């Protein structure tokens, strides 16, 4: 997966649309992976899941494989905008990073410092732990990037690819 420049400051994103931005509007690449190993179990883009609950016909972020309780880290320095526990994403943290916003969802818990009101984050700082909150078929981190009000595929910024042989994580039911 990659993003192909068409003309200066305009990117064509996987045949799904065009996003315009200035150099300051795009996150640095690659960002820190929020979970390890961080391979993609459900990519950004249109999707259909037979015989499964579906949050929508378009997946606006990526699902990253992670075991229940795995540590979730900030992909870059930023400021927490919102912590929410309503809706399909379950426990979510929305962070304003420089030039973009990121949504971390299906968390089982937030880090104690954040629960106590901390709003500033350092790159790599602990945000929370993976859980199974919201609409999900198993434990994973849902991760979304928003640039200029538009959601874009986070995979190229994280340097992640689809999960495959040798890139596995223990995924077990969670009590979250």
Protein backbone atom coordinates (compact mmCIF):
# COMPACT_ATOMS: atom_id res chain seq x y z
CA UNK A 1 0.00 0.00 0.00
CA UNK A 2 1.25 3.44 -0.81
CA UNK A 3 0.13 6.94 -1.54
CA UNK A 4 1.02 8.27 -4.97
CA UNK A 5 1.63 12.00 -5.51
CA UNK A 6 -0.24 13.24 -8.60
CA UNK A 7 0.69 16.91 -8.47
CA UNK A 8 2.37 19.00 -5.75
CA UNK A 9 0.32 19.06 -2.53
CA UNK A 10 -2.34 16.68 -3.90
CA UNK A 11 -2.44 12.97 -3.23
CA UNK A 12 -4.59 10.27 -4.76
CA UNK A 13 -5.44 7.87 -1.96
CA UNK A 14 -5.88 4.28 -3.21
CA UNK A 15 -8.40 5.18 -5.88
CA UNK A 16 -10.82 6.36 -3.20
CA UNK A 17 -10.54 10.10 -3.61
CA UNK A 18 -8.28 13.09 -3.59
CA UNK A 19 -6.97 14.81 -0.49
CA UNK A 20 -5.29 18.18 -0.71
CA UNK A 21 -2.89 19.51 1.86
CA UNK A 22 0.13 21.61 2.48
CA UNK A 23 3.32 20.00 3.74
CA UNK A 24 2.33 20.93 7.31
CA UNK A 25 -1.00 19.14 6.96
CA UNK A 26 0.39 15.65 6.67
CA UNK A 27 1.70 13.57 9.52
CA UNK A 28 5.36 12.65 9.50
CA UNK A 29 5.93 9.25 8.01
CA UNK A 30 6.42 6.76 9.42
CA UNK A 31 4.66 7.38 12.70
CA UNK A 32 5.27 5.23 15.78
CA UNK A 33 3.16 2.09 15.61
CA UNK A 34 0.49 2.29 18.30
CA UNK A 35 0.58 -1.50 18.95
CA UNK A 36 3.01 -4.34 18.20
CA UNK A 37 3.28 -6.14 15.86
CA UNK A 38 0.63 -3.87 14.36
CA UNK A 39 -0.22 -5.78 11.20
CA UNK A 40 -3.53 -4.96 9.47
CA UNK A 41 -6.43 -7.38 9.95
CA UNK A 42 -9.01 -5.12 8.28
CA UNK A 43 -7.81 -2.39 5.90
CA UNK A 44 -9.09 1.10 5.11
CA UNK A 45 -11.72 1.14 2.38
CA UNK A 46 -14.93 -0.52 1.24
CA UNK A 47 -15.81 -3.79 2.92
CA UNK A 48 -18.40 -6.48 3.32
CA UNK A 49 -18.33 -9.02 6.15
CA UNK A 50 -20.71 -11.93 5.55
CA UNK A 51 -22.66 -13.09 8.61
CA UNK A 52 -20.98 -10.57 10.90
CA UNK A 53 -22.01 -7.30 12.50
CA UNK A 54 -20.97 -4.45 10.26
CA UNK A 55 -20.35 -0.90 11.46
CA UNK A 56 -20.64 0.38 7.88
CA UNK A 57 -19.85 -0.36 4.27
CA UNK A 58 -16.69 1.72 4.39
CA UNK A 59 -13.94 1.15 6.96
CA UNK A 60 -12.52 4.59 7.76
CA UNK A 61 -9.40 3.33 9.54
CA UNK A 62 -7.42 0.13 9.98
CA UNK A 63 -7.77 -2.69 12.49
CA UNK A 64 -4.39 -3.58 13.95
CA UNK A 65 -3.90 -7.04 15.44
CA UNK A 66 -3.22 -6.94 19.16
CA UNK A 67 -3.83 -9.16 22.16
CA UNK A 68 -6.25 -8.17 24.90
CA UNK A 69 -4.40 -5.91 27.31
CA UNK A 70 -1.68 -4.94 24.81
CA UNK A 71 -0.24 -1.48 25.37
CA UNK A 72 -1.44 1.28 23.02
CA UNK A 73 1.02 4.14 22.45
CA UNK A 74 0.68 7.62 20.95
CA UNK A 75 1.91 7.66 17.34
CA UNK A 76 3.30 11.19 17.83
CA UNK A 77 3.21 13.98 20.40
CA UNK A 78 -0.22 15.52 20.81
CA UNK A 79 -3.12 16.68 22.94
CA UNK A 80 -6.16 14.62 23.93
CA UNK A 81 -9.34 16.16 22.53
CA UNK A 82 -11.89 13.63 23.73
CA UNK A 83 -12.34 10.35 25.58
CA UNK A 84 -15.63 8.65 24.79
CA UNK A 85 -17.30 5.34 25.55
CA UNK A 86 -20.36 5.57 23.34
CA UNK A 87 -20.92 4.09 19.93
CA UNK A 88 -19.38 1.38 17.81
CA UNK A 89 -15.78 2.19 18.74
CA UNK A 90 -16.36 1.47 22.42
CA UNK A 91 -13.78 3.22 24.56
CA UNK A 92 -12.09 5.76 22.25
CA UNK A 93 -9.42 8.42 22.59
CA UNK A 94 -9.24 11.21 20.00
CA UNK A 95 -5.86 13.00 19.86
CA UNK A 96 -4.82 16.16 18.04
CA UNK A 97 -1.30 15.59 16.73
CA UNK A 98 0.63 18.20 14.74
CA UNK A 99 -1.18 18.44 11.38
CA UNK A 100 -3.62 15.58 11.95
CA UNK A 101 -5.99 13.89 14.37
CA UNK A 102 -5.92 10.22 15.33
CA UNK A 103 -8.63 8.04 16.80
CA UNK A 104 -7.66 5.06 18.96
CA UNK A 105 -10.70 2.78 19.54
CA UNK A 106 -11.84 -0.51 21.12
CA UNK A 107 -9.69 0.22 24.17
CA UNK A 108 -10.22 -1.78 27.35
CA UNK A 109 -8.88 1.02 29.54
CA UNK A 110 -7.06 4.34 29.36
CA UNK A 111 -3.70 4.89 31.06
CA UNK A 112 -4.02 6.08 34.68
CA UNK A 113 -2.44 9.48 33.91
CA UNK A 114 -5.06 10.08 31.21
CA UNK A 115 -7.86 8.87 33.47
CA UNK A 116 -6.58 11.41 36.03
CA UNK A 117 -6.91 14.25 33.51
CA UNK A 118 -3.58 14.46 31.66
CA UNK A 119 -4.12 15.86 28.17
CA UNK A 120 -0.60 16.27 26.73
CA UNK A 121 1.07 13.25 25.16
CA UNK A 122 4.66 12.54 24.14
CA UNK A 123 5.36 10.39 21.09
CA UNK A 124 5.26 6.77 22.23
CA UNK A 125 3.50 7.57 25.52
CA UNK A 126 1.09 4.99 26.89
CA UNK A 127 -2.53 5.87 26.03
CA UNK A 128 -4.29 2.71 27.17
CA UNK A 129 -4.72 -1.01 26.64
CA UNK A 130 -6.45 -2.95 23.89
CA UNK A 131 -9.85 -4.29 24.86
CA UNK A 132 -12.99 -5.52 23.21
CA UNK A 133 -15.34 -2.60 23.69
CA UNK A 134 -17.85 -1.45 21.09
CA UNK A 135 -18.76 -3.43 17.98
CA UNK A 136 -15.92 -5.91 17.41
CA UNK A 137 -15.37 -9.55 16.51
CA UNK A 138 -12.22 -9.82 18.60
CA UNK A 139 -9.49 -7.84 20.29
CA UNK A 140 -7.72 -5.30 18.10
CA UNK A 141 -6.98 -1.60 17.91
CA UNK A 142 -9.02 0.44 15.46
CA UNK A 143 -6.84 3.36 14.31
CA UNK A 144 -7.93 6.28 12.17
CA UNK A 145 -6.14 9.38 10.81
CA UNK A 146 -8.00 12.59 9.96
CA UNK A 147 -6.22 15.29 7.94
CA UNK A 148 -7.98 18.56 7.22
CA UNK A 149 -11.32 17.00 8.23
CA UNK A 150 -10.83 14.04 5.88
CA UNK A 151 -10.11 10.46 6.91
CA UNK A 152 -7.17 8.87 5.09
CA UNK A 153 -5.59 5.43 5.10
CA UNK A 154 -3.23 5.29 8.10
CA UNK A 155 -1.32 2.19 6.90
CA UNK A 156 1.29 4.06 4.82
CA UNK A 157 2.02 6.46 7.71
CA UNK A 158 2.45 3.57 10.15
CA UNK A 159 4.47 1.39 7.79
CA UNK A 160 2.11 -1.56 8.38
CA UNK A 161 0.95 -4.26 6.01
CA UNK A 162 -1.61 -7.05 6.07
CA UNK A 163 -1.09 -9.79 8.63
CA UNK A 164 0.41 -12.99 7.33
CA UNK A 165 2.38 -16.08 8.34
CA UNK A 166 4.96 -15.33 11.01
CA UNK A 167 3.22 -12.08 12.00
CA UNK A 168 0.80 -13.29 14.64
CA UNK A 169 -0.39 -12.08 18.01
CA UNK A 170 -2.26 -13.92 20.70
CA UNK A 171 -5.88 -12.86 20.34
CA UNK A 172 -8.11 -14.06 23.11
CA UNK A 173 -11.52 -13.04 24.48
CA UNK A 174 -11.47 -10.08 26.79
CA UNK A 175 -13.54 -9.32 29.86
CA UNK A 176 -13.46 -5.62 28.89
